[in-house]
N, C-alpha and C. Protein backbone atom coordinates (compact mmCIF):
# COMPACT_ATOMS: atom_id res chain seq x y z
N MET A 1 53.52 -62.42 21.54
CA MET A 1 54.44 -62.65 22.49
C MET A 1 54.06 -61.92 23.60
N LYS A 2 54.31 -62.17 24.87
CA LYS A 2 53.72 -61.38 25.94
C LYS A 2 55.42 -61.01 26.71
N LYS A 3 55.46 -59.42 27.10
CA LYS A 3 56.51 -59.27 27.62
C LYS A 3 56.21 -59.04 28.96
N THR A 4 57.61 -59.55 30.34
CA THR A 4 57.09 -59.12 31.09
C THR A 4 58.44 -58.37 31.85
N ASN A 5 57.67 -58.02 32.49
CA ASN A 5 58.17 -56.74 33.57
C ASN A 5 59.25 -57.01 34.51
N LYS A 6 60.74 -57.19 34.58
CA LYS A 6 61.50 -58.11 35.56
C LYS A 6 62.02 -56.77 37.21
N ASN A 7 60.96 -55.71 36.78
CA ASN A 7 61.08 -54.43 37.92
C ASN A 7 60.27 -55.40 38.82
N LEU A 8 59.02 -55.27 38.75
CA LEU A 8 57.96 -56.13 39.36
C LEU A 8 58.01 -57.80 40.41
N THR A 9 58.00 -56.96 41.90
CA THR A 9 57.99 -57.80 42.59
C THR A 9 56.89 -57.98 42.30
N SER A 10 56.66 -59.60 43.41
CA SER A 10 54.77 -59.95 44.41
C SER A 10 54.89 -58.93 45.37
N LEU A 11 53.86 -59.20 45.92
CA LEU A 11 54.05 -58.39 47.76
C LEU A 11 54.47 -58.91 48.83
N ALA A 12 54.62 -60.05 48.49
CA ALA A 12 55.11 -61.27 49.70
C ALA A 12 56.69 -60.71 49.78
N GLU A 13 57.63 -60.88 48.10
CA GLU A 13 58.79 -60.45 48.28
C GLU A 13 59.14 -58.69 49.13
N HIS A 14 58.10 -57.92 47.97
CA HIS A 14 58.20 -56.69 48.72
C HIS A 14 58.33 -56.48 50.46
N LEU A 15 56.77 -57.43 50.70
CA LEU A 15 57.69 -57.51 52.22
C LEU A 15 58.53 -57.55 52.82
N GLU A 16 59.01 -58.41 52.66
CA GLU A 16 60.22 -59.41 53.21
C GLU A 16 60.93 -58.14 53.13
N LYS A 17 60.88 -58.20 52.29
CA LYS A 17 62.18 -56.89 51.54
C LYS A 17 62.32 -55.88 52.65
N GLN A 18 61.16 -55.25 52.30
CA GLN A 18 61.07 -54.07 53.40
C GLN A 18 60.40 -54.01 54.66
N TYR A 19 60.36 -55.29 54.96
CA TYR A 19 59.42 -55.72 56.95
C TYR A 19 60.42 -56.76 57.23
N GLY A 20 61.10 -57.07 56.35
CA GLY A 20 61.88 -58.83 56.96
C GLY A 20 60.76 -60.29 56.89
N LYS A 21 62.19 -60.66 57.36
CA LYS A 21 60.97 -62.57 57.40
C LYS A 21 59.39 -62.46 58.71
N ARG A 22 59.30 -63.09 58.08
CA ARG A 22 57.84 -63.16 58.80
C ARG A 22 58.24 -63.54 60.36
N GLY A 23 58.17 -63.72 61.45
CA GLY A 23 58.76 -63.98 62.69
C GLY A 23 59.50 -62.95 63.46
N THR A 24 60.26 -61.94 62.50
CA THR A 24 61.72 -60.93 62.86
C THR A 24 60.34 -59.95 63.73
N LYS A 25 61.02 -59.38 64.74
CA LYS A 25 60.31 -57.89 65.71
C LYS A 25 59.74 -56.77 64.37
N LYS A 26 60.19 -56.07 63.28
CA LYS A 26 60.13 -55.58 61.90
C LYS A 26 58.49 -55.87 61.69
N ARG A 27 58.91 -56.97 61.31
CA ARG A 27 57.48 -57.67 60.30
C ARG A 27 56.65 -58.54 60.96
N GLU A 28 56.31 -58.69 62.15
CA GLU A 28 55.94 -58.95 63.23
C GLU A 28 54.48 -57.49 63.61
N GLU A 29 55.46 -56.08 63.85
CA GLU A 29 54.94 -55.22 64.06
C GLU A 29 54.39 -54.81 63.02
N TYR A 30 55.24 -54.50 61.87
CA TYR A 30 54.13 -54.36 60.51
C TYR A 30 52.57 -54.99 60.48
N GLU A 31 52.80 -56.54 60.53
CA GLU A 31 51.37 -57.44 60.60
C GLU A 31 50.68 -56.58 61.42
N GLU A 32 50.66 -56.48 62.78
CA GLU A 32 49.76 -56.49 63.88
C GLU A 32 49.31 -55.29 63.20
N GLY A 33 49.58 -53.99 62.84
CA GLY A 33 49.64 -52.49 62.37
C GLY A 33 48.32 -52.74 61.13
N PHE A 34 48.92 -53.26 60.48
CA PHE A 34 48.20 -54.04 59.32
C PHE A 34 46.93 -54.77 59.78
N GLU A 35 46.70 -55.30 60.63
CA GLU A 35 45.57 -56.21 61.53
C GLU A 35 44.63 -54.95 61.85
N ALA A 36 45.32 -54.10 61.99
CA ALA A 36 44.35 -53.10 63.39
C ALA A 36 43.34 -51.77 61.82
N PHE A 37 44.38 -51.90 60.62
CA PHE A 37 43.77 -51.19 60.12
C PHE A 37 43.10 -51.52 59.19
N LYS A 38 43.16 -52.69 59.05
CA LYS A 38 41.56 -53.67 58.44
C LYS A 38 40.62 -54.02 59.17
N LEU A 39 41.10 -54.02 60.79
CA LEU A 39 39.74 -53.90 61.26
C LEU A 39 39.02 -51.97 61.31
N GLY A 40 39.91 -51.39 60.99
CA GLY A 40 39.31 -49.95 61.06
C GLY A 40 38.26 -49.64 59.57
N VAL A 41 39.21 -50.92 58.66
CA VAL A 41 38.46 -50.37 57.49
C VAL A 41 37.43 -51.23 57.73
N MET A 42 36.91 -52.09 57.91
CA MET A 42 36.22 -53.11 57.99
C MET A 42 34.79 -52.43 58.61
N LEU A 43 35.26 -52.08 59.80
CA LEU A 43 34.22 -51.42 60.62
C LEU A 43 33.77 -50.11 60.02
N GLN A 44 34.28 -49.12 59.44
CA GLN A 44 34.08 -48.14 58.63
C GLN A 44 33.01 -48.48 57.36
N GLU A 45 33.23 -49.61 56.86
CA GLU A 45 32.33 -50.41 55.52
C GLU A 45 30.97 -50.81 56.38
N LEU A 46 31.63 -51.35 56.95
CA LEU A 46 29.65 -51.71 57.92
C LEU A 46 28.81 -50.43 58.07
N ARG A 47 29.52 -49.69 58.78
CA ARG A 47 29.23 -48.97 59.26
C ARG A 47 28.02 -47.85 57.79
N LYS A 48 28.98 -47.70 57.01
CA LYS A 48 28.90 -46.75 56.09
C LYS A 48 27.45 -48.07 54.99
N HIS A 49 27.74 -48.87 55.03
CA HIS A 49 26.75 -50.42 54.66
C HIS A 49 25.27 -49.69 55.11
N GLN A 50 25.52 -49.70 56.25
CA GLN A 50 24.20 -49.30 56.93
C GLN A 50 23.73 -48.12 57.12
N GLY A 51 24.49 -47.14 56.58
CA GLY A 51 23.70 -45.98 56.43
C GLY A 51 23.84 -44.88 57.41
N MET A 52 24.59 -45.14 58.50
CA MET A 52 24.94 -44.74 60.02
C MET A 52 26.10 -43.67 59.82
N THR A 53 25.96 -42.61 60.30
CA THR A 53 27.48 -41.56 60.82
C THR A 53 28.12 -42.71 62.16
N GLN A 54 29.07 -41.95 62.48
CA GLN A 54 29.91 -42.23 63.22
C GLN A 54 29.37 -41.99 64.39
N GLU A 55 28.86 -40.92 64.92
CA GLU A 55 28.11 -40.52 65.55
C GLU A 55 27.02 -41.32 65.86
N GLN A 56 26.04 -41.78 65.05
CA GLN A 56 25.36 -42.73 65.10
C GLN A 56 25.40 -44.13 65.38
N LEU A 57 26.05 -44.60 65.01
CA LEU A 57 26.97 -45.85 65.38
C LEU A 57 27.70 -45.94 67.14
N ALA A 58 28.40 -44.63 67.10
CA ALA A 58 28.47 -44.60 68.95
C ALA A 58 26.98 -44.59 69.80
N ASP A 59 26.17 -43.46 69.13
CA ASP A 59 25.20 -43.66 70.41
C ASP A 59 24.55 -44.92 70.63
N LYS A 60 24.37 -45.25 69.25
CA LYS A 60 23.90 -47.37 69.46
C LYS A 60 24.53 -47.96 69.86
N CYS A 61 25.90 -47.81 70.46
CA CYS A 61 26.83 -49.19 71.03
C CYS A 61 27.38 -48.06 72.16
N GLY A 62 27.21 -46.92 72.92
CA GLY A 62 27.43 -45.93 74.03
C GLY A 62 28.73 -45.89 73.90
N THR A 63 29.54 -45.44 73.02
CA THR A 63 30.83 -44.72 73.29
C THR A 63 30.51 -43.47 72.36
N THR A 64 32.04 -42.66 72.17
CA THR A 64 31.93 -41.21 71.51
C THR A 64 32.09 -41.52 70.01
N LYS A 65 31.93 -40.43 69.20
CA LYS A 65 32.12 -40.45 67.63
C LYS A 65 33.83 -40.04 67.49
N THR A 66 34.32 -39.58 68.43
CA THR A 66 35.79 -39.68 68.43
C THR A 66 36.40 -40.97 68.67
N TYR A 67 35.54 -41.68 69.46
CA TYR A 67 36.31 -42.98 69.83
C TYR A 67 36.04 -44.04 68.25
N ILE A 68 34.90 -43.94 68.13
CA ILE A 68 34.56 -44.41 66.42
C ILE A 68 35.89 -43.96 65.32
N SER A 69 35.88 -42.81 65.23
CA SER A 69 36.41 -42.31 64.47
C SER A 69 38.35 -42.87 64.48
N ARG A 70 38.56 -42.85 65.35
CA ARG A 70 39.87 -43.08 66.02
C ARG A 70 40.63 -44.72 65.84
N ILE A 71 39.30 -45.15 65.69
CA ILE A 71 39.29 -46.98 65.40
C ILE A 71 39.55 -46.91 63.99
N GLU A 72 38.69 -46.04 63.15
CA GLU A 72 38.39 -46.11 61.68
C GLU A 72 39.32 -45.91 60.99
N ASN A 73 40.34 -44.86 62.26
CA ASN A 73 41.79 -44.26 61.37
C ASN A 73 42.75 -45.00 62.40
N ASN A 74 42.30 -46.01 62.48
CA ASN A 74 43.71 -46.78 63.13
C ASN A 74 44.81 -45.81 63.96
N ALA A 75 43.93 -44.87 64.59
CA ALA A 75 44.82 -44.22 65.77
C ALA A 75 44.61 -44.83 67.34
N SER A 76 43.90 -45.87 68.06
CA SER A 76 43.54 -46.24 68.70
C SER A 76 43.57 -47.75 68.96
N ASP A 77 44.07 -48.62 69.64
CA ASP A 77 43.90 -49.79 70.44
C ASP A 77 42.37 -50.29 70.82
N ILE A 78 41.39 -50.99 70.06
CA ILE A 78 40.33 -51.28 70.35
C ILE A 78 39.88 -52.82 71.34
N ARG A 79 39.71 -52.77 72.93
CA ARG A 79 39.77 -53.76 73.59
C ARG A 79 38.52 -54.59 72.83
N LEU A 80 38.93 -55.99 73.64
CA LEU A 80 37.91 -57.01 72.85
C LEU A 80 36.04 -56.88 73.07
N SER A 81 35.82 -56.53 74.28
CA SER A 81 34.71 -56.46 74.98
C SER A 81 34.21 -55.16 73.92
N THR A 82 34.79 -53.80 74.05
CA THR A 82 34.47 -52.59 73.07
C THR A 82 34.20 -53.37 71.31
N LEU A 83 35.25 -54.02 70.82
CA LEU A 83 34.45 -53.91 69.61
C LEU A 83 33.63 -55.22 69.30
N MET A 84 33.07 -55.74 70.54
CA MET A 84 32.13 -56.79 70.40
C MET A 84 31.11 -55.79 70.68
N ARG A 85 30.69 -55.18 70.99
CA ARG A 85 29.97 -54.20 71.35
C ARG A 85 29.34 -53.13 70.46
N ILE A 86 30.46 -52.81 69.47
CA ILE A 86 30.04 -51.87 68.86
C ILE A 86 29.68 -52.89 67.69
N ILE A 87 29.97 -54.14 67.62
CA ILE A 87 29.16 -55.01 66.43
C ILE A 87 28.33 -55.71 66.91
N SER A 88 28.36 -55.79 67.66
CA SER A 88 26.42 -56.68 68.38
C SER A 88 25.48 -55.12 68.43
N GLU A 89 25.83 -53.89 69.21
CA GLU A 89 24.63 -53.45 69.55
C GLU A 89 24.70 -52.11 68.37
N GLY A 90 25.91 -52.00 68.14
CA GLY A 90 25.91 -51.02 66.71
C GLY A 90 25.42 -51.43 65.71
N LEU A 91 26.21 -52.62 65.25
CA LEU A 91 25.66 -52.56 63.70
C LEU A 91 24.99 -54.24 63.59
N GLY A 92 24.48 -54.74 65.08
CA GLY A 92 23.53 -55.68 64.72
C GLY A 92 24.55 -56.83 64.45
N GLY A 93 25.58 -57.39 64.33
CA GLY A 93 26.03 -58.52 63.84
C GLY A 93 26.47 -58.94 65.10
N HIS A 94 27.39 -60.21 64.35
CA HIS A 94 27.89 -61.17 65.48
C HIS A 94 29.78 -61.36 64.78
N LEU A 95 30.08 -61.09 66.44
CA LEU A 95 31.80 -61.36 65.93
C LEU A 95 32.34 -63.08 66.28
N LYS A 96 33.06 -62.87 64.64
CA LYS A 96 33.67 -64.54 65.19
C LYS A 96 35.29 -64.14 64.77
N LEU A 97 35.55 -64.82 65.47
CA LEU A 97 37.11 -64.51 65.35
C LEU A 97 37.38 -66.10 65.00
N SER A 98 39.20 -65.87 64.41
CA SER A 98 40.14 -67.20 64.39
C SER A 98 41.24 -66.87 64.21
N VAL A 99 42.21 -68.00 64.47
CA VAL A 99 43.66 -67.92 64.61
C VAL A 99 44.30 -68.60 64.06
N ASP A 100 45.30 -67.97 63.27
CA ASP A 100 46.00 -68.78 62.19
C ASP A 100 47.50 -69.04 62.74
N ILE A 101 47.60 -70.47 63.11
CA ILE A 101 48.87 -70.38 63.81
C ILE A 101 50.05 -70.63 62.86
């Protein structure tokens, strides 16, 4: 017989308890911050997968190591044009966007 732990909650339940329901200001601020965090992690993983340092990536796309670091560590907002340049010129990729409504 399998035991269940009644103290466990799902991620969705936790987020709702911690930040409120989707559509509330606090929850939307959380979701926006999380998306920025994911973007930074994604760029870092792509850069490392290609064996590049932050400085090498910055040189390839015409920005600074500090700026790349700030993006990867979720400390800086990024313009779409800059993101496109980092992806195409720095990493040799193509940016695709989608919108969920």
